[in-house]
Structures are given as C-alpha cells and as structure tokens.
Amino acid sequence: MVDRHSPRLGRYALHLLGNRADAEEAVQEALVRAFRSLARYEEREQFGAWLLRILVNRCRTLASRRRDFEPLEAASLVWHPGEDPVEALAVREELGHAMSQLSPEHREAIALRYADELSFEEMATVTGAGVSALKMRVRRACDRLRALLEESRARV
C-alpha cells in the first residue's frame, strides 16, 4: 500500500500544503489511518479514491492549524527534459507564489483536477462535493490563479 500509493499522495499533499515536511506528515498520518480502517473499507469503492479521501481530510486538518501557506518548494517540482531549467524554475516559483494566495478550497480544486488529473466524478467521490459545484470551484480557482499571475507579471 505504501509503495504503490505514496508518490501520488505525496504529490497531492505537497500541492495542497506547500512544503515537504507537512506533506510527508499528512501522507504518513493518512496511511496509518487507512491501515487501521481497512476492516471498514468497502470493496465497492475504488481503493485509491478511498485513500485519497482520507488524505484530503488530513490535509484539511493540517491546513486549518496553519495560518500561513508557504509557496510550493520549487526544488520539489519536476523538471522536464528539454525545458530551460532556469526559466522552468522561475515559472514554477511564480506559480507556487500565486497558489499560496489561493484559498484552501481553491488550492484543493486545482491540485485534484490538474496535479492529480482526477475527473470531476472522481473529485466528487474524494471531496463529497457535487460535480457541478466542483466545476464551478475549479473555474473560479483558475480565474483567480490567472488574475494573480497577470498581476505578478504586470509588476515585473
């Protein structure tokens, strides 16, 4: 369970929480809770979605305890071959800073939809929100993120 699901859970937690230490704590707590709750797991659910739902709740709890959100650690983001590493780092830092200014609800929507590439139906299973509400949440999050990035570029 740990080997198979940790990388995906870690990516999601990092996108939502902003730093590696908090993300690792959330993943570890989620995996322990999942292990302890295996007897209550119902086979009709997708295991990955069930596990992600546990992690979402852990991330929400950790985020609610913190008053600030740190921009994503640029070093933890993946560099793709063919990209100019300096330019890619600058873009990732700018994006991380803009993400830090989003509400936790909007960060969660962006992370589930684009970082984890979940469908709206999968997002609904994980969050408990309706599909139409999630579509609106993602749209508003994207609009806000776009505005923040435009403001950032206008200052340069």
C-alpha atoms as a PDB file:
ATOM      1  CA  MET A   1       0.000   0.000   0.000  1.00  0.00           C
ATOM      2  CA  VAL A   2       2.764   2.433   0.914  1.00  0.00           C
ATOM      3  CA  ASP A   3       4.927   1.778  -2.145  1.00  0.00           C
ATOM      4  CA  ARG A   4       2.028   1.910  -4.555  1.00  0.00           C
ATOM      5  CA  HIS A   5       0.188   4.976  -3.274  1.00  0.00           C
ATOM      6  CA  SER A   6       2.748   7.188  -1.502  1.00  0.00           C
ATOM      7  CA  PRO A   7       4.108   9.015  -4.575  1.00  0.00           C
ATOM      8  CA  ARG A   8       0.655  10.127  -5.735  1.00  0.00           C
ATOM      9  CA  LEU A   9      -0.464  11.026  -2.222  1.00  0.00           C
ATOM     10  CA  GLY A  10       2.760  12.921  -1.648  1.00  0.00           C
ATOM     11  CA  ARG A  11       2.338  14.982  -4.810  1.00  0.00           C
ATOM     12  CA  TYR A  12      -1.207  15.901  -3.858  1.00  0.00           C
ATOM     13  CA  ALA A  13      -0.292  16.794  -0.273  1.00  0.00           C
ATOM     14  CA  LEU A  14       2.656  18.897  -1.436  1.00  0.00           C
ATOM     15  CA  HIS A  15       0.476  20.848  -3.870  1.00  0.00           C
ATOM     16  CA  LEU A  16      -2.099  21.493  -1.200  1.00  0.00           C
ATOM     17  CA  LEU A  17       0.107  22.151   1.825  1.00  0.00           C
ATOM     18  CA  GLY A  18       3.085  23.779   0.165  1.00  0.00           C
ATOM     19  CA  ASN A  19       6.034  22.167   1.896  1.00  0.00           C
ATOM     20  CA  ARG A  20       7.558  18.739   2.034  1.00  0.00           C
ATOM     21  CA  ALA A  21       7.520  18.313   5.834  1.00  0.00           C
ATOM     22  CA  ASP A  22       3.782  18.946   6.147  1.00  0.00           C
ATOM     23  CA  ALA A  23       3.073  16.824   3.075  1.00  0.00           C
ATOM     24  CA  GLU A  24       5.064  13.887   4.464  1.00  0.00           C
ATOM     25  CA  GLU A  25       3.276  14.213   7.808  1.00  0.00           C
ATOM     26  CA  ALA A  26      -0.142  14.227   6.122  1.00  0.00           C
ATOM     27  CA  VAL A  27       0.706  11.200   3.951  1.00  0.00           C
ATOM     28  CA  GLN A  28       2.064   9.243   6.897  1.00  0.00           C
ATOM     29  CA  GLU A  29      -0.987  10.006   9.027  1.00  0.00           C
ATOM     30  CA  ALA A  30      -3.337   9.133   6.155  1.00  0.00           C
ATOM     31  CA  LEU A  31      -1.614   5.794   5.522  1.00  0.00           C
ATOM     32  CA  VAL A  32      -1.730   4.894   9.218  1.00  0.00           C
ATOM     33  CA  ARG A  33      -5.421   5.809   9.399  1.00  0.00           C
ATOM     34  CA  ALA A  34      -6.127   3.807   6.251  1.00  0.00           C
ATOM     35  CA  PHE A  35      -4.308   0.768   7.611  1.00  0.00           C
ATOM     36  CA  ARG A  36      -6.252   0.962  10.865  1.00  0.00           C
ATOM     37  CA  SER A  37      -9.521   1.343   8.917  1.00  0.00           C
ATOM     38  CA  LEU A  38      -9.002  -1.455   6.385  1.00  0.00           C
ATOM     39  CA  ALA A  39     -11.738  -3.516   8.046  1.00  0.00           C
ATOM     40  CA  ARG A  40     -14.229  -0.725   7.257  1.00  0.00           C
ATOM     41  CA  TYR A  41     -13.143  -0.381   3.624  1.00  0.00           C
ATOM     42  CA  GLU A  42     -15.923  -1.425   1.275  1.00  0.00           C
ATOM     43  CA  GLU A  43     -14.869  -3.199  -1.912  1.00  0.00           C
ATOM     44  CA  ARG A  44     -17.398  -1.253  -3.987  1.00  0.00           C
ATOM     45  CA  GLU A  45     -15.254   1.849  -3.595  1.00  0.00           C
ATOM     46  CA  GLN A  46     -12.077   2.389  -5.539  1.00  0.00           C
ATOM     47  CA  PHE A  47      -9.255   1.919  -3.072  1.00  0.00           C
ATOM     48  CA  GLY A  48      -7.247   4.863  -4.416  1.00  0.00           C
ATOM     49  CA  ALA A  49     -10.216   7.237  -4.083  1.00  0.00           C
ATOM     50  CA  TRP A  50     -10.887   5.997  -0.539  1.00  0.00           C
ATOM     51  CA  LEU A  51      -7.255   6.548   0.392  1.00  0.00           C
ATOM     52  CA  LEU A  52      -7.186   9.983  -1.241  1.00  0.00           C
ATOM     53  CA  ARG A  53     -10.312  10.978   0.693  1.00  0.00           C
ATOM     54  CA  ILE A  54      -8.505  10.128   3.936  1.00  0.00           C
ATOM     55  CA  LEU A  55      -5.532  12.234   2.811  1.00  0.00           C
ATOM     56  CA  VAL A  56      -7.768  15.160   1.820  1.00  0.00           C
ATOM     57  CA  ASN A  57      -9.189  15.190   5.338  1.00  0.00           C
ATOM     58  CA  ARG A  58      -5.679  15.080   6.878  1.00  0.00           C
ATOM     59  CA  CYS A  59      -4.529  17.934   4.635  1.00  0.00           C
ATOM     60  CA  ARG A  60      -7.581  20.000   5.536  1.00  0.00           C
ATOM     61  CA  THR A  61      -6.876  19.453   9.228  1.00  0.00           C
ATOM     62  CA  LEU A  62      -3.208  20.395   8.903  1.00  0.00           C
ATOM     63  CA  ALA A  63      -4.012  23.433   6.745  1.00  0.00           C
ATOM     64  CA  SER A  64      -6.617  24.668   9.227  1.00  0.00           C
ATOM     65  CA  ARG A  65      -3.996  24.612  12.002  1.00  0.00           C
ATOM     66  CA  ARG A  66      -1.675  26.832   9.985  1.00  0.00           C
ATOM     67  CA  ARG A  67      -2.370  30.476   9.365  1.00  0.00           C
ATOM     68  CA  ASP A  68       0.048  30.860   6.507  1.00  0.00           C
ATOM     69  CA  PHE A  69       0.672  28.925   3.332  1.00  0.00           C
ATOM     70  CA  GLU A  70       4.186  28.591   2.028  1.00  0.00           C
ATOM     71  CA  PRO A  71       4.715  28.740  -1.718  1.00  0.00           C
ATOM     72  CA  LEU A  72       5.453  25.368  -3.248  1.00  0.00           C
ATOM     73  CA  GLU A  73       9.057  24.374  -2.820  1.00  0.00           C
ATOM     74  CA  ALA A  74      10.411  24.905  -6.317  1.00  0.00           C
ATOM     75  CA  ALA A  75      13.102  22.264  -5.834  1.00  0.00           C
ATOM     76  CA  SER A  76      10.441  19.628  -5.255  1.00  0.00           C
ATOM     77  CA  LEU A  77       8.738  20.245  -8.589  1.00  0.00           C
ATOM     78  CA  VAL A  78       9.659  18.095 -11.532  1.00  0.00           C
ATOM     79  CA  TRP A  79      11.885  19.458 -14.282  1.00  0.00           C
ATOM     80  CA  HIS A  80      11.143  18.071 -17.737  1.00  0.00           C
ATOM     81  CA  PRO A  81      13.957  17.390 -20.215  1.00  0.00           C
ATOM     82  CA  GLY A  82      14.035  19.967 -22.981  1.00  0.00           C
ATOM     83  CA  GLU A  83      12.939  22.808 -20.690  1.00  0.00           C
ATOM     84  CA  ASP A  84      15.305  25.633 -19.913  1.00  0.00           C
ATOM     85  CA  PRO A  85      15.938  24.828 -16.219  1.00  0.00           C
ATOM     86  CA  VAL A  86      16.324  28.485 -15.199  1.00  0.00           C
ATOM     87  CA  GLU A  87      13.118  29.555 -16.935  1.00  0.00           C
ATOM     88  CA  ALA A  88      11.228  26.489 -15.679  1.00  0.00           C
ATOM     89  CA  LEU A  89      12.301  27.240 -12.101  1.00  0.00           C
ATOM     90  CA  ALA A  90      11.175  30.866 -12.410  1.00  0.00           C
ATOM     91  CA  VAL A  91       7.774  29.818 -13.753  1.00  0.00           C
ATOM     92  CA  ARG A  92       7.338  27.238 -11.006  1.00  0.00           C
ATOM     93  CA  GLU A  93       8.274  29.742  -8.314  1.00  0.00           C
ATOM     94  CA  GLU A  94       5.807  32.262  -9.750  1.00  0.00           C
ATOM     95  CA  LEU A  95       3.089  29.615  -9.864  1.00  0.00           C
ATOM     96  CA  GLY A  96       3.891  28.455  -6.327  1.00  0.00           C
ATOM     97  CA  HIS A  97       3.626  32.012  -5.042  1.00  0.00           C
ATOM     98  CA  ALA A  98       0.290  32.520  -6.824  1.00  0.00           C
ATOM     99  CA  MET A  99      -1.007  29.198  -5.469  1.00  0.00           C
ATOM    100  CA  SER A 100      -0.084  30.337  -1.957  1.00  0.00           C
ATOM    101  CA  GLN A 101      -2.543  33.199  -2.338  1.00  0.00           C
ATOM    102  CA  LEU A 102      -5.500  30.966  -3.227  1.00  0.00           C
ATOM    103  CA  SER A 103      -7.989  29.860  -0.607  1.00  0.00           C
ATOM    104  CA  PRO A 104      -7.507  26.289   0.667  1.00  0.00           C
ATOM    105  CA  GLU A 105     -10.673  25.266  -1.195  1.00  0.00           C
ATOM    106  CA  HIS A 106      -9.315  26.609  -4.486  1.00  0.00           C
ATOM    107  CA  ARG A 107      -5.849  25.077  -3.932  1.00  0.00           C
ATOM    108  CA  GLU A 108      -7.541  21.749  -3.315  1.00  0.00           C
ATOM    109  CA  ALA A 109      -9.595  22.051  -6.512  1.00  0.00           C
ATOM    110  CA  ILE A 110      -6.527  22.904  -8.606  1.00  0.00           C
ATOM    111  CA  ALA A 111      -4.466  20.111  -7.045  1.00  0.00           C
ATOM    112  CA  LEU A 112      -7.114  17.433  -7.557  1.00  0.00           C
ATOM    113  CA  ARG A 113      -8.010  18.472 -11.093  1.00  0.00           C
ATOM    114  CA  TYR A 114      -4.623  19.336 -12.563  1.00  0.00           C
ATOM    115  CA  ALA A 115      -1.914  17.827 -10.354  1.00  0.00           C
ATOM    116  CA  ASP A 116      -3.695  14.518  -9.775  1.00  0.00           C
ATOM    117  CA  GLU A 117      -5.638  14.717 -13.045  1.00  0.00           C
ATOM    118  CA  LEU A 118      -8.881  13.490 -11.483  1.00  0.00           C
ATOM    119  CA  SER A 119     -12.179  13.657 -13.326  1.00  0.00           C
ATOM    120  CA  PHE A 120     -14.930  15.709 -11.737  1.00  0.00           C
ATOM    121  CA  GLU A 121     -16.689  12.481 -10.764  1.00  0.00           C
ATOM    122  CA  GLU A 122     -13.541  11.254  -9.006  1.00  0.00           C
ATOM    123  CA  MET A 123     -13.169  14.639  -7.325  1.00  0.00           C
ATOM    124  CA  ALA A 124     -16.752  14.377  -6.088  1.00  0.00           C
ATOM    125  CA  THR A 125     -16.015  10.981  -4.563  1.00  0.00           C
ATOM    126  CA  VAL A 126     -12.935  12.342  -2.808  1.00  0.00           C
ATOM    127  CA  THR A 127     -14.352  15.642  -1.555  1.00  0.00           C
ATOM    128  CA  GLY A 128     -18.017  14.856  -1.060  1.00  0.00           C
ATOM    129  CA  ALA A 129     -18.985  17.919  -3.123  1.00  0.00           C
ATOM    130  CA  GLY A 130     -21.254  17.742  -6.150  1.00  0.00           C
ATOM    131  CA  VAL A 131     -19.877  17.650  -9.687  1.00  0.00           C
ATOM    132  CA  SER A 132     -21.437  20.979 -10.687  1.00  0.00           C
ATOM    133  CA  ALA A 133     -20.086  22.648  -7.534  1.00  0.00           C
ATOM    134  CA  LEU A 134     -16.622  21.272  -8.292  1.00  0.00           C
ATOM    135  CA  LYS A 135     -16.744  22.514 -11.881  1.00  0.00           C
ATOM    136  CA  MET A 136     -17.553  25.990 -10.603  1.00  0.00           C
ATOM    137  CA  ARG A 137     -14.865  25.759  -7.913  1.00  0.00           C
ATOM    138  CA  VAL A 138     -12.211  24.768 -10.467  1.00  0.00           C
ATOM    139  CA  ARG A 139     -13.307  27.536 -12.828  1.00  0.00           C
ATOM    140  CA  ARG A 140     -13.166  30.157 -10.075  1.00  0.00           C
ATOM    141  CA  ALA A 141      -9.804  28.838  -8.882  1.00  0.00           C
ATOM    142  CA  CYS A 142      -8.404  29.038 -12.421  1.00  0.00           C
ATOM    143  CA  ASP A 143      -9.790  32.551 -12.882  1.00  0.00           C
ATOM    144  CA  ARG A 144      -8.245  33.677  -9.591  1.00  0.00           C
ATOM    145  CA  LEU A 145      -4.924  31.986 -10.375  1.00  0.00           C
ATOM    146  CA  ARG A 146      -4.859  33.612 -13.821  1.00  0.00           C
ATOM    147  CA  ALA A 147      -5.523  37.048 -12.275  1.00  0.00           C
ATOM    148  CA  LEU A 148      -2.769  36.552  -9.702  1.00  0.00           C
ATOM    149  CA  LEU A 149      -0.284  35.537 -12.394  1.00  0.00           C
ATOM    150  CA  GLU A 150      -1.241  38.538 -14.547  1.00  0.00           C
ATOM    151  CA  GLU A 151      -0.771  40.864 -11.554  1.00  0.00           C
ATOM    152  CA  SER A 152       2.616  39.305 -10.878  1.00  0.00           C
ATOM    153  CA  ARG A 153       3.755  39.747 -14.472  1.00  0.00           C
ATOM    154  CA  ALA A 154       2.460  43.334 -14.598  1.00  0.00           C
ATOM    155  CA  ARG A 155       4.725  44.225 -11.661  1.00  0.00           C
ATOM    156  CA  VAL A 156       7.802  42.960 -13.485  1.00  0.00           C
END
